[in-house]
Amino acid sequence: KEENSKKESELLRARRELEALRKQHQKLSKKLLKYSLF
């Protein structure tokens, strides 16, 4: 149970990191769309 709790914490942290990366990816995608003219 402790091992699973630890892994769940790591999984939650990985999900947060993935969510932050997705937000940053969306932000960069918007900027890329803005500069698509170039």
Full PDB file with SEQRES, HELIX, SHEET, SSBOND, CRYST1, ORIGX, SCALE, CONECT and MASTER records, all heavy atoms in Angstrom:
SEQRES   1 A   38  LYS GLU GLU ASN SER LYS LYS GLU SER GLU LEU LEU ARG          
SEQRES   2 A   38  ALA ARG ARG GLU LEU GLU ALA LEU ARG LYS GLN HIS GLN          
SEQRES   3 A   38  LYS LEU SER LYS LYS LEU LEU LYS TYR SER LEU PHE              
HELIX    1 AA1 GLU A    2  LYS A   34  1                                  33    
CRYST1    1.000    1.000    1.000  90.00  90.00  90.00 P 1           1          
ORIGX1      1.000000  0.000000  0.000000        0.00000                         
ORIGX2      0.000000  1.000000  0.000000        0.00000                         
ORIGX3      0.000000  0.000000  1.000000        0.00000                         
SCALE1      1.000000  0.000000  0.000000        0.00000                         
SCALE2      0.000000  1.000000  0.000000        0.00000                         
SCALE3      0.000000  0.000000  1.000000        0.00000                         
ATOM      1  N   LYS A   1       0.829  -1.199   0.000  1.00  0.00           N  
ATOM      2  CA  LYS A   1       0.000   0.000   0.000  1.00  0.00           C  
ATOM      3  C   LYS A   1       0.871   1.258   0.000  1.00  0.00           C  
ATOM      4  O   LYS A   1       0.599   2.231  -0.716  1.00  0.00           O  
ATOM      5  CB  LYS A   1      -0.919  -0.029   1.217  1.00  0.00           C  
ATOM      6  CG  LYS A   1      -1.903   1.130   1.259  1.00  0.00           C  
ATOM      7  CD  LYS A   1      -2.814   1.022   2.461  1.00  0.00           C  
ATOM      8  CE  LYS A   1      -3.804   2.183   2.501  1.00  0.00           C  
ATOM      9  NZ  LYS A   1      -4.694   2.105   3.687  1.00  0.00           N  
ATOM     10  N   GLU A   2       1.917   1.244   0.850  1.00  0.00           N  
ATOM     11  CA  GLU A   2       2.830   2.394   0.873  1.00  0.00           C  
ATOM     12  C   GLU A   2       3.534   2.572  -0.471  1.00  0.00           C  
ATOM     13  O   GLU A   2       3.704   3.690  -0.956  1.00  0.00           O  
ATOM     14  CB  GLU A   2       3.868   2.193   1.984  1.00  0.00           C  
ATOM     15  CG  GLU A   2       3.279   2.271   3.383  1.00  0.00           C  
ATOM     16  CD  GLU A   2       4.326   2.006   4.443  1.00  0.00           C  
ATOM     17  OE1 GLU A   2       5.471   1.665   4.051  1.00  0.00           O  
ATOM     18  OE2 GLU A   2       4.010   2.148   5.637  1.00  0.00           O  
ATOM     19  N   GLU A   3       3.923   1.439  -1.071  1.00  0.00           N  
ATOM     20  CA  GLU A   3       4.570   1.505  -2.379  1.00  0.00           C  
ATOM     21  C   GLU A   3       3.612   2.047  -3.423  1.00  0.00           C  
ATOM     22  O   GLU A   3       3.986   2.888  -4.272  1.00  0.00           O  
ATOM     23  CB  GLU A   3       5.075   0.116  -2.776  1.00  0.00           C  
ATOM     24  CG  GLU A   3       5.873   0.093  -4.064  1.00  0.00           C  
ATOM     25  CD  GLU A   3       7.206   0.798  -3.945  1.00  0.00           C  
ATOM     26  OE1 GLU A   3       7.695   0.940  -2.799  1.00  0.00           O  
ATOM     27  OE2 GLU A   3       7.753   1.207  -4.986  1.00  0.00           O  
ATOM     28  N   ASN A   4       2.346   1.569  -3.354  1.00  0.00           N  
ATOM     29  CA  ASN A   4       1.348   2.056  -4.313  1.00  0.00           C  
ATOM     30  C   ASN A   4       1.062   3.537  -4.097  1.00  0.00           C  
ATOM     31  O   ASN A   4       0.869   4.294  -5.053  1.00  0.00           O  
ATOM     32  CB  ASN A   4       0.064   1.242  -4.183  1.00  0.00           C  
ATOM     33  CG  ASN A   4       0.243  -0.188  -4.670  1.00  0.00           C  
ATOM     34  OD1 ASN A   4       1.072  -0.456  -5.537  1.00  0.00           O  
ATOM     35  ND2 ASN A   4      -0.508  -1.124  -4.098  1.00  0.00           N  
ATOM     36  N   SER A   5       1.041   3.966  -2.805  1.00  0.00           N  
ATOM     37  CA  SER A   5       0.823   5.384  -2.515  1.00  0.00           C  
ATOM     38  C   SER A   5       1.959   6.232  -3.071  1.00  0.00           C  
ATOM     39  O   SER A   5       1.744   7.306  -3.645  1.00  0.00           O  
ATOM     40  CB  SER A   5       0.706   5.581  -1.003  1.00  0.00           C  
ATOM     41  OG  SER A   5       0.539   6.954  -0.699  1.00  0.00           O  
ATOM     42  N   LYS A   6       3.170   5.714  -2.915  1.00  0.00           N  
ATOM     43  CA  LYS A   6       4.323   6.423  -3.459  1.00  0.00           C  
ATOM     44  C   LYS A   6       4.236   6.519  -4.974  1.00  0.00           C  
ATOM     45  O   LYS A   6       4.498   7.568  -5.574  1.00  0.00           O  
ATOM     46  CB  LYS A   6       5.593   5.706  -3.037  1.00  0.00           C  
ATOM     47  CG  LYS A   6       6.865   6.384  -3.485  1.00  0.00           C  
ATOM     48  CD  LYS A   6       8.081   5.646  -2.986  1.00  0.00           C  
ATOM     49  CE  LYS A   6       9.370   6.305  -3.448  1.00  0.00           C  
ATOM     50  NZ  LYS A   6      10.564   5.552  -2.981  1.00  0.00           N  
ATOM     51  N   LYS A   7       3.858   5.422  -5.597  1.00  0.00           N  
ATOM     52  CA  LYS A   7       3.737   5.419  -7.064  1.00  0.00           C  
ATOM     53  C   LYS A   7       2.599   6.312  -7.530  1.00  0.00           C  
ATOM     54  O   LYS A   7       2.687   6.961  -8.569  1.00  0.00           O  
ATOM     55  CB  LYS A   7       3.544   3.989  -7.559  1.00  0.00           C  
ATOM     56  CG  LYS A   7       4.795   3.129  -7.386  1.00  0.00           C  
ATOM     57  CD  LYS A   7       4.582   1.735  -7.905  1.00  0.00           C  
ATOM     58  CE  LYS A   7       5.865   0.902  -7.744  1.00  0.00           C  
ATOM     59  NZ  LYS A   7       5.690  -0.490  -8.224  1.00  0.00           N  
ATOM     60  N   GLU A   8       1.513   6.346  -6.741  1.00  0.00           N  
ATOM     61  CA  GLU A   8       0.414   7.239  -7.099  1.00  0.00           C  
ATOM     62  C   GLU A   8       0.852   8.704  -7.002  1.00  0.00           C  
ATOM     63  O   GLU A   8       0.457   9.535  -7.814  1.00  0.00           O  
ATOM     64  CB  GLU A   8      -0.776   6.980  -6.173  1.00  0.00           C  
ATOM     65  CG  GLU A   8      -1.506   5.674  -6.482  1.00  0.00           C  
ATOM     66  CD  GLU A   8      -2.652   5.420  -5.509  1.00  0.00           C  
ATOM     67  OE1 GLU A   8      -2.801   6.236  -4.576  1.00  0.00           O  
ATOM     68  OE2 GLU A   8      -3.366   4.416  -5.692  1.00  0.00           O  
ATOM     69  N   SER A   9       1.687   9.013  -5.968  1.00  0.00           N  
ATOM     70  CA  SER A   9       2.208  10.381  -5.856  1.00  0.00           C  
ATOM     71  C   SER A   9       3.079  10.722  -7.062  1.00  0.00           C  
ATOM     72  O   SER A   9       2.994  11.824  -7.628  1.00  0.00           O  
ATOM     73  CB  SER A   9       3.017  10.530  -4.563  1.00  0.00           C  
ATOM     74  OG  SER A   9       2.205  10.287  -3.432  1.00  0.00           O  
ATOM     75  N   GLU A  10       3.928   9.755  -7.452  1.00  0.00           N  
ATOM     76  CA  GLU A  10       4.751   9.982  -8.643  1.00  0.00           C  
ATOM     77  C   GLU A  10       3.892  10.137  -9.880  1.00  0.00           C  
ATOM     78  O   GLU A  10       4.175  10.972 -10.750  1.00  0.00           O  
ATOM     79  CB  GLU A  10       5.718   8.810  -8.817  1.00  0.00           C  
ATOM     80  CG  GLU A  10       6.772   8.712  -7.720  1.00  0.00           C  
ATOM     81  CD  GLU A  10       7.674   7.505  -7.912  1.00  0.00           C  
ATOM     82  OE1 GLU A  10       7.413   6.738  -8.860  1.00  0.00           O  
ATOM     83  OE2 GLU A  10       8.632   7.342  -7.125  1.00  0.00           O  
ATOM     84  N   LEU A  11       2.818   9.331  -9.949  1.00  0.00           N  
ATOM     85  CA  LEU A  11       1.913   9.429 -11.097  1.00  0.00           C  
ATOM     86  C   LEU A  11       1.226  10.791 -11.124  1.00  0.00           C  
ATOM     87  O   LEU A  11       1.069  11.404 -12.186  1.00  0.00           O  
ATOM     88  CB  LEU A  11       0.886   8.296 -11.031  1.00  0.00           C  
ATOM     89  CG  LEU A  11      -0.132   8.235 -12.170  1.00  0.00           C  
ATOM     90  CD1 LEU A  11       0.571   8.044 -13.505  1.00  0.00           C  
ATOM     91  CD2 LEU A  11      -1.128   7.106 -11.927  1.00  0.00           C  
ATOM     92  N   LEU A  12       0.810  11.284  -9.926  1.00  0.00           N  
ATOM     93  CA  LEU A  12       0.155  12.585  -9.853  1.00  0.00           C  
ATOM     94  C   LEU A  12       1.125  13.695 -10.266  1.00  0.00           C  
ATOM     95  O   LEU A  12       0.754  14.619 -11.001  1.00  0.00           O  
ATOM     96  CB  LEU A  12      -0.341  12.825  -8.430  1.00  0.00           C  
ATOM     97  CG  LEU A  12      -1.053  14.160  -8.179  1.00  0.00           C  
ATOM     98  CD1 LEU A  12      -2.287  14.285  -9.061  1.00  0.00           C  
ATOM     99  CD2 LEU A  12      -1.436  14.300  -6.705  1.00  0.00           C  
ATOM    100  N   ARG A  13       2.362  13.577  -9.800  1.00  0.00           N  
ATOM    101  CA  ARG A  13       3.361  14.572 -10.184  1.00  0.00           C  
ATOM    102  C   ARG A  13       3.620  14.532 -11.693  1.00  0.00           C  
ATOM    103  O   ARG A  13       3.758  15.573 -12.342  1.00  0.00           O  
ATOM    104  CB  ARG A  13       4.658  14.320  -9.421  1.00  0.00           C  
ATOM    105  CG  ARG A  13       5.716  15.398  -9.679  1.00  0.00           C  
ATOM    106  CD  ARG A  13       6.914  15.262  -8.759  1.00  0.00           C  
ATOM    107  NE  ARG A  13       7.646  14.014  -9.004  1.00  0.00           N  
ATOM    108  CZ  ARG A  13       7.612  12.967  -8.194  1.00  0.00           C  
ATOM    109  NH1 ARG A  13       6.870  13.004  -7.086  1.00  0.00           N  
ATOM    110  NH2 ARG A  13       8.306  11.868  -8.448  1.00  0.00           N  
ATOM    111  N   ALA A  14       3.664  13.309 -12.252  1.00  0.00           N  
ATOM    112  CA  ALA A  14       3.863  13.179 -13.696  1.00  0.00           C  
ATOM    113  C   ALA A  14       2.690  13.782 -14.461  1.00  0.00           C  
ATOM    114  O   ALA A  14       2.867  14.424 -15.503  1.00  0.00           O  
ATOM    115  CB  ALA A  14       4.043  11.715 -14.069  1.00  0.00           C  
ATOM    116  N   ARG A  15       1.469  13.593 -13.936  1.00  0.00           N  
ATOM    117  CA  ARG A  15       0.303  14.192 -14.591  1.00  0.00           C  
ATOM    118  C   ARG A  15       0.363  15.713 -14.559  1.00  0.00           C  
ATOM    119  O   ARG A  15       0.035  16.387 -15.538  1.00  0.00           O  
ATOM    120  CB  ARG A  15      -0.974  13.706 -13.898  1.00  0.00           C  
ATOM    121  CG  ARG A  15      -1.333  12.242 -14.204  1.00  0.00           C  
ATOM    122  CD  ARG A  15      -2.581  11.833 -13.457  1.00  0.00           C  
ATOM    123  NE  ARG A  15      -2.951  10.443 -13.774  1.00  0.00           N  
ATOM    124  CZ  ARG A  15      -3.961   9.792 -13.178  1.00  0.00           C  
ATOM    125  NH1 ARG A  15      -4.659  10.405 -12.223  1.00  0.00           N  
ATOM    126  NH2 ARG A  15      -4.233   8.547 -13.512  1.00  0.00           N  
ATOM    127  N   ARG A  16       0.799  16.258 -13.410  1.00  0.00           N  
ATOM    128  CA  ARG A  16       0.924  17.716 -13.319  1.00  0.00           C  
ATOM    129  C   ARG A  16       1.985  18.233 -14.289  1.00  0.00           C  
ATOM    130  O   ARG A  16       1.782  19.260 -14.950  1.00  0.00           O  
ATOM    131  CB  ARG A  16       1.293  18.101 -11.883  1.00  0.00           C  
ATOM    132  CG  ARG A  16       0.164  17.875 -10.875  1.00  0.00           C  
ATOM    133  CD  ARG A  16       0.632  18.190  -9.457  1.00  0.00           C  
ATOM    134  NE  ARG A  16      -0.446  17.971  -8.487  1.00  0.00           N  
ATOM    135  CZ  ARG A  16      -0.291  18.051  -7.168  1.00  0.00           C  
ATOM    136  NH1 ARG A  16       0.913  18.360  -6.668  1.00  0.00           N  
ATOM    137  NH2 ARG A  16      -1.311  17.847  -6.363  1.00  0.00           N  
ATOM    138  N   GLU A  17       3.108  17.527 -14.343  1.00  0.00           N  
ATOM    139  CA  GLU A  17       4.147  17.934 -15.288  1.00  0.00           C  
ATOM    140  C   GLU A  17       3.639  17.851 -16.722  1.00  0.00           C  
ATOM    141  O   GLU A  17       3.922  18.729 -17.544  1.00  0.00           O  
ATOM    142  CB  GLU A  17       5.375  17.051 -15.111  1.00  0.00           C  
ATOM    143  CG  GLU A  17       6.101  17.258 -13.794  1.00  0.00           C  
ATOM    144  CD  GLU A  17       7.266  16.305 -13.621  1.00  0.00           C  
ATOM    145  OE1 GLU A  17       7.446  15.442 -14.518  1.00  0.00           O  
ATOM    146  OE2 GLU A  17       7.996  16.413 -12.608  1.00  0.00           O  
ATOM    147  N   LEU A  18       2.895  16.784 -17.019  1.00  0.00           N  
ATOM    148  CA  LEU A  18       2.351  16.628 -18.362  1.00  0.00           C  
ATOM    149  C   LEU A  18       1.354  17.740 -18.674  1.00  0.00           C  
ATOM    150  O   LEU A  18       1.342  18.284 -19.789  1.00  0.00           O  
ATOM    151  CB  LEU A  18       1.685  15.259 -18.493  1.00  0.00           C  
ATOM    152  CG  LEU A  18       1.073  14.932 -19.862  1.00  0.00           C  
ATOM    153  CD1 LEU A  18       2.150  14.962 -20.941  1.00  0.00           C  
ATOM    154  CD2 LEU A  18       0.389  13.573 -19.834  1.00  0.00           C  
ATOM    155  N   GLU A  19       0.535  18.119 -17.680  1.00  0.00           N  
ATOM    156  CA  GLU A  19      -0.423  19.195 -17.881  1.00  0.00           C  
ATOM    157  C   GLU A  19       0.291  20.527 -18.113  1.00  0.00           C  
ATOM    158  O   GLU A  19      -0.101  21.321 -18.985  1.00  0.00           O  
ATOM    159  CB  GLU A  19      -1.344  19.292 -16.659  1.00  0.00           C  
ATOM    160  CG  GLU A  19      -2.457  20.310 -16.806  1.00  0.00           C  
ATOM    161  CD  GLU A  19      -3.449  19.935 -17.898  1.00  0.00           C  
ATOM    162  OE1 GLU A  19      -3.548  18.727 -18.220  1.00  0.00           O  
ATOM    163  OE2 GLU A  19      -4.109  20.846 -18.432  1.00  0.00           O  
ATOM    164  N   ALA A  20       1.370  20.758 -17.347  1.00  0.00           N  
ATOM    165  CA  ALA A  20       2.138  21.986 -17.550  1.00  0.00           C  
ATOM    166  C   ALA A  20       2.778  22.008 -18.938  1.00  0.00           C  
ATOM    167  O   ALA A  20       2.793  23.040 -19.619  1.00  0.00           O  
ATOM    168  CB  ALA A  20       3.208  22.101 -16.465  1.00  0.00           C  
ATOM    169  N   LEU A  21       3.293  20.848 -19.366  1.00  0.00           N  
ATOM    170  CA  LEU A  21       3.886  20.771 -20.700  1.00  0.00           C  
ATOM    171  C   LEU A  21       2.830  20.987 -21.782  1.00  0.00           C  
ATOM    172  O   LEU A  21       3.099  21.610 -22.809  1.00  0.00           O  
ATOM    173  CB  LEU A  21       4.565  19.413 -20.881  1.00  0.00           C  
ATOM    174  CG  LEU A  21       5.847  19.194 -20.061  1.00  0.00           C  
ATOM    175  CD1 LEU A  21       6.340  17.771 -20.219  1.00  0.00           C  
ATOM    176  CD2 LEU A  21       6.930  20.173 -20.464  1.00  0.00           C  
ATOM    177  N   ARG A  22       1.643  20.453 -21.563  1.00  0.00           N  
ATOM    178  CA  ARG A  22       0.570  20.659 -22.548  1.00  0.00           C  
ATOM    179  C   ARG A  22       0.185  22.127 -22.636  1.00  0.00           C  
ATOM    180  O   ARG A  22      -0.019  22.661 -23.734  1.00  0.00           O  
ATOM    181  CB  ARG A  22      -0.638  19.816 -22.160  1.00  0.00           C  
ATOM    182  CG  ARG A  22      -0.468  18.322 -22.448  1.00  0.00           C  
ATOM    183  CD  ARG A  22      -1.675  17.529 -21.990  1.00  0.00           C  
ATOM    184  NE  ARG A  22      -1.528  16.106 -22.311  1.00  0.00           N  
ATOM    185  CZ  ARG A  22      -2.377  15.159 -21.909  1.00  0.00           C  
ATOM    186  NH1 ARG A  22      -3.428  15.493 -21.155  1.00  0.00           N  
ATOM    187  NH2 ARG A  22      -2.165  13.898 -22.235  1.00  0.00           N  
ATOM    188  N   LYS A  23       0.091  22.803 -21.483  1.00  0.00           N  
ATOM    189  CA  LYS A  23      -0.234  24.227 -21.499  1.00  0.00           C  
ATOM    190  C   LYS A  23       0.853  25.022 -22.217  1.00  0.00           C  
ATOM    191  O   LYS A  23       0.555  25.912 -23.019  1.00  0.00           O  
ATOM    192  CB  LYS A  23      -0.400  24.735 -20.068  1.00  0.00           C  
ATOM    193  CG  LYS A  23      -1.655  24.215 -19.379  1.00  0.00           C  
ATOM    194  CD  LYS A  23      -1.771  24.787 -17.966  1.00  0.00           C  
ATOM    195  CE  LYS A  23      -3.026  24.270 -17.273  1.00  0.00           C  
ATOM    196  NZ  LYS A  23      -3.156  24.807 -15.887  1.00  0.00           N  
ATOM    197  N   GLN A  24       2.100  24.682 -21.919  1.00  0.00           N  
ATOM    198  CA  GLN A  24       3.198  25.373 -22.591  1.00  0.00           C  
ATOM    199  C   GLN A  24       3.188  25.085 -24.084  1.00  0.00           C  
ATOM    200  O   GLN A  24       3.477  25.962 -24.913  1.00  0.00           O  
ATOM    201  CB  GLN A  24       4.528  24.947 -21.971  1.00  0.00           C  
ATOM    202  CG  GLN A  24       5.714  25.788 -22.427  1.00  0.00           C  
ATOM    203  CD  GLN A  24       6.976  25.457 -21.666  1.00  0.00           C  
ATOM    204  OE1 GLN A  24       6.972  24.560 -20.827  1.00  0.00           O  
ATOM    205  NE2 GLN A  24       8.060  26.170 -21.945  1.00  0.00           N  
ATOM    206  N   HIS A  25       2.839  23.834 -24.432  1.00  0.00           N  
ATOM    207  CA  HIS A  25       2.747  23.479 -25.846  1.00  0.00           C  
ATOM    208  C   HIS A  25       1.640  24.267 -26.526  1.00  0.00           C  
ATOM    209  O   HIS A  25       1.807  24.745 -27.669  1.00  0.00           O  
ATOM    210  CB  HIS A  25       2.492  21.974 -25.960  1.00  0.00           C  
ATOM    211  CG  HIS A  25       2.395  21.499 -27.376  1.00  0.00           C  
ATOM    212  ND1 HIS A  25       1.201  21.393 -28.043  1.00  0.00           N  
ATOM    213  CD2 HIS A  25       3.358  21.122 -28.265  1.00  0.00           C  
ATOM    214  CE1 HIS A  25       1.414  20.958 -29.264  1.00  0.00           C  
ATOM    215  NE2 HIS A  25       2.717  20.788 -29.427  1.00  0.00           N  
ATOM    216  N   GLN A  26       0.506  24.426 -25.854  1.00  0.00           N  
ATOM    217  CA  GLN A  26      -0.582  25.218 -26.430  1.00  0.00           C  
ATOM    218  C   GLN A  26      -0.162  26.676 -26.606  1.00  0.00           C  
ATOM    219  O   GLN A  26      -0.475  27.306 -27.621  1.00  0.00           O  
ATOM    220  CB  GLN A  26      -1.805  25.130 -25.521  1.00  0.00           C  
ATOM    221  CG  GLN A  26      -2.464  23.751 -25.501  1.00  0.00           C  
ATOM    222  CD  GLN A  26      -3.618  23.682 -24.519  1.00  0.00           C  
ATOM    223  OE1 GLN A  26      -3.905  24.658 -23.821  1.00  0.00           O  
ATOM    224  NE2 GLN A  26      -4.285  22.534 -24.462  1.00  0.00           N  
ATOM    225  N   LYS A  27       0.555  27.184 -25.600  1.00  0.00           N  
ATOM    226  CA  LYS A  27       1.021  28.565 -25.690  1.00  0.00           C  
ATOM    227  C   LYS A  27       1.969  28.758 -26.861  1.00  0.00           C  
ATOM    228  O   LYS A  27       1.859  29.717 -27.635  1.00  0.00           O  
ATOM    229  CB  LYS A  27       1.695  28.945 -24.374  1.00  0.00           C  
ATOM    230  CG  LYS A  27       2.115  30.396 -24.295  1.00  0.00           C  
ATOM    231  CD  LYS A  27       2.723  30.698 -22.937  1.00  0.00           C  
ATOM    232  CE  LYS A  27       3.162  32.154 -22.836  1.00  0.00           C  
ATOM    233  NZ  LYS A  27       3.759  32.444 -21.504  1.00  0.00           N  
ATOM    234  N   LEU A  28       2.910  27.817 -27.000  1.00  0.00           N  
ATOM    235  CA  LEU A  28       3.853  27.905 -28.116  1.00  0.00           C  
ATOM    236  C   LEU A  28       3.144  27.706 -29.453  1.00  0.00           C  
ATOM    237  O   LEU A  28       3.525  28.309 -30.458  1.00  0.00           O  
ATOM    238  CB  LEU A  28       4.959  26.861 -27.933  1.00  0.00           C  
ATOM    239  CG  LEU A  28       5.917  27.109 -26.762  1.00  0.00           C  
ATOM    240  CD1 LEU A  28       6.892  25.953 -26.628  1.00  0.00           C  
ATOM    241  CD2 LEU A  28       6.681  28.409 -26.936  1.00  0.00           C  
ATOM    242  N   SER A  29       2.129  26.843 -29.468  1.00  0.00           N  
ATOM    243  CA  SER A  29       1.377  26.627 -30.714  1.00  0.00           C  
ATOM    244  C   SER A  29       0.669  27.906 -31.137  1.00  0.00           C  
ATOM    245  O   SER A  29       0.615  28.225 -32.334  1.00  0.00           O  
ATOM    246  CB  SER A  29       0.369  25.499 -30.508  1.00  0.00           C  
ATOM    247  OG  SER A  29       1.021  24.284 -30.211  1.00  0.00           O  
ATOM    248  N   LYS A  30       0.111  28.637 -30.151  1.00  0.00           N  
ATOM    249  CA  LYS A  30      -0.534  29.904 -30.487  1.00  0.00           C  
ATOM    250  C   LYS A  30       0.480  30.903 -31.055  1.00  0.00           C  
ATOM    251  O   LYS A  30       0.197  31.606 -32.017  1.00  0.00           O  
ATOM    252  CB  LYS A  30      -1.201  30.484 -29.232  1.00  0.00           C  
ATOM    253  CG  LYS A  30      -2.419  29.691 -28.771  1.00  0.00           C  
ATOM    254  CD  LYS A  30      -3.039  30.319 -27.526  1.00  0.00           C  
ATOM    255  CE  LYS A  30      -4.244  29.522 -27.047  1.00  0.00           C  
ATOM    256  NZ  LYS A  30      -4.840  30.106 -25.812  1.00  0.00           N  
ATOM    257  N   LYS A  31       1.652  30.944 -30.416  1.00  0.00           N  
ATOM    258  CA  LYS A  31       2.685  31.844 -30.927  1.00  0.00           C  
ATOM    259  C   LYS A  31       3.128  31.431 -32.324  1.00  0.00           C  
ATOM    260  O   LYS A  31       3.369  32.264 -33.193  1.00  0.00           O  
ATOM    261  CB  LYS A  31       3.877  31.853 -29.971  1.00  0.00           C  
ATOM    262  CG  LYS A  31       3.599  32.564 -28.663  1.00  0.00           C  
ATOM    263  CD  LYS A  31       4.856  32.643 -27.804  1.00  0.00           C  
ATOM    264  CE  LYS A  31       4.582  33.391 -26.505  1.00  0.00           C  
ATOM    265  NZ  LYS A  31       5.793  33.502 -25.658  1.00  0.00           N  
ATOM    266  N   LEU A  32       3.236  30.106 -32.528  1.00  0.00           N  
ATOM    267  CA  LEU A  32       3.627  29.628 -33.847  1.00  0.00           C  
ATOM    268  C   LEU A  32       2.581  29.986 -34.886  1.00  0.00           C  
ATOM    269  O   LEU A  32       2.911  30.347 -36.023  1.00  0.00           O  
ATOM    270  CB  LEU A  32       3.834  28.109 -33.790  1.00  0.00           C  
ATOM    271  CG  LEU A  32       4.299  27.449 -35.091  1.00  0.00           C  
ATOM    272  CD1 LEU A  32       5.652  28.003 -35.515  1.00  0.00           C  
ATOM    273  CD2 LEU A  32       4.387  25.934 -34.924  1.00  0.00           C  
ATOM    274  N   LEU A  33       1.291  29.890 -34.505  1.00  0.00           N  
ATOM    275  CA  LEU A  33       0.214  30.277 -35.423  1.00  0.00           C  
ATOM    276  C   LEU A  33       0.293  31.769 -35.724  1.00  0.00           C  
ATOM    277  O   LEU A  33       0.039  32.205 -36.856  1.00  0.00           O  
ATOM    278  CB  LEU A  33      -1.140  29.928 -34.798  1.00  0.00           C  
ATOM    279  CG  LEU A  33      -2.381  30.236 -35.649  1.00  0.00           C  
ATOM    280  CD1 LEU A  33      -2.352  29.415 -36.938  1.00  0.00           C  
ATOM    281  CD2 LEU A  33      -3.646  29.955 -34.860  1.00  0.00           C  
ATOM    282  N   LYS A  34       0.689  32.548 -34.705  1.00  0.00           N  
ATOM    283  CA  LYS A  34       0.821  33.987 -34.897  1.00  0.00           C  
ATOM    284  C   LYS A  34       1.905  34.315 -35.899  1.00  0.00           C  
ATOM    285  O   LYS A  34       1.770  35.244 -36.706  1.00  0.00           O  
ATOM    286  CB  LYS A  34       1.110  34.641 -33.541  1.00  0.00           C  
ATOM    287  CG  LYS A  34       1.267  36.147 -33.614  1.00  0.00           C  
ATOM    288  CD  LYS A  34       1.564  36.704 -32.240  1.00  0.00           C  
ATOM    289  CE  LYS A  34       1.775  38.216 -32.291  1.00  0.00           C  
ATOM    290  NZ  LYS A  34       2.079  38.787 -30.949  1.00  0.00           N  
ATOM    291  N   TYR A  35       2.991  33.534 -35.863  1.00  0.00           N  
ATOM    292  CA  TYR A  35       4.127  33.792 -36.764  1.00  0.00           C  
ATOM    293  C   TYR A  35       4.107  32.893 -38.000  1.00  0.00           C  
ATOM    294  O   TYR A  35       5.120  32.734 -38.666  1.00  0.00           O  
ATOM    295  CB  TYR A  35       5.441  33.587 -36.022  1.00  0.00           C  
ATOM    296  CG  TYR A  35       5.689  34.585 -34.939  1.00  0.00           C  
ATOM    297  CD1 TYR A  35       5.601  34.215 -33.602  1.00  0.00           C  
ATOM    298  CD2 TYR A  35       6.000  35.904 -35.241  1.00  0.00           C  
ATOM    299  CE1 TYR A  35       5.824  35.140 -32.585  1.00  0.00           C  
ATOM    300  CE2 TYR A  35       6.224  36.828 -34.245  1.00  0.00           C  
ATOM    301  CZ  TYR A  35       6.132  36.444 -32.910  1.00  0.00           C  
ATOM    302  OH  TYR A  35       6.350  37.354 -31.914  1.00  0.00           O  
ATOM    303  N   SER A  36       2.974  32.283 -38.285  1.00  0.00           N  
ATOM    304  CA  SER A  36       2.894  31.401 -39.459  1.00  0.00           C  
ATOM    305  C   SER A  36       3.085  32.185 -40.753  1.00  0.00           C  
ATOM    306  O   SER A  36       3.489  31.631 -41.779  1.00  0.00           O  
ATOM    307  CB  SER A  36       1.542  30.687 -39.469  1.00  0.00           C  
ATOM    308  OG  SER A  36       0.472  31.634 -39.501  1.00  0.00           O  
ATOM    309  N   LEU A  37       2.772  33.494 -40.705  1.00  0.00           N  
ATOM    310  CA  LEU A  37       2.969  34.328 -41.889  1.00  0.00           C  
ATOM    311  C   LEU A  37       4.428  34.320 -42.317  1.00  0.00           C  
ATOM    312  O   LEU A  37       4.743  34.239 -43.513  1.00  0.00           O  
ATOM    313  CB  LEU A  37       2.495  35.752 -41.589  1.00  0.00           C  
ATOM    314  CG  LEU A  37       2.701  36.782 -42.713  1.00  0.00           C  
ATOM    315  CD1 LEU A  37       1.864  36.397 -43.922  1.00  0.00           C  
ATOM    316  CD2 LEU A  37       2.305  38.172 -42.216  1.00  0.00           C  
ATOM    317  N   PHE A  38       5.317  34.363 -41.354  1.00  0.00           N  
ATOM    318  CA  PHE A  38       6.744  34.349 -41.678  1.00  0.00           C  
ATOM    319  C   PHE A  38       7.172  32.989 -42.234  1.00  0.00           C  
ATOM    320  O   PHE A  38       8.056  32.901 -43.085  1.00  0.00           O  
ATOM    321  CB  PHE A  38       7.556  34.686 -40.430  1.00  0.00           C  
ATOM    322  CG  PHE A  38       7.307  36.068 -39.908  1.00  0.00           C  
ATOM    323  CD1 PHE A  38       6.443  36.266 -38.850  1.00  0.00           C  
ATOM    324  CD2 PHE A  38       7.924  37.158 -40.489  1.00  0.00           C  
ATOM    325  CE1 PHE A  38       6.209  37.540 -38.372  1.00  0.00           C  
ATOM    326  CE2 PHE A  38       7.698  38.441 -40.010  1.00  0.00           C  
ATOM    327  CZ  PHE A  38       6.823  38.630 -38.953  1.00  0.00           C  
TER     328      PHE A  38                                                      
MASTER        0    0    0    1    0    0    0    6  327    1    0    3          
END                                                                             
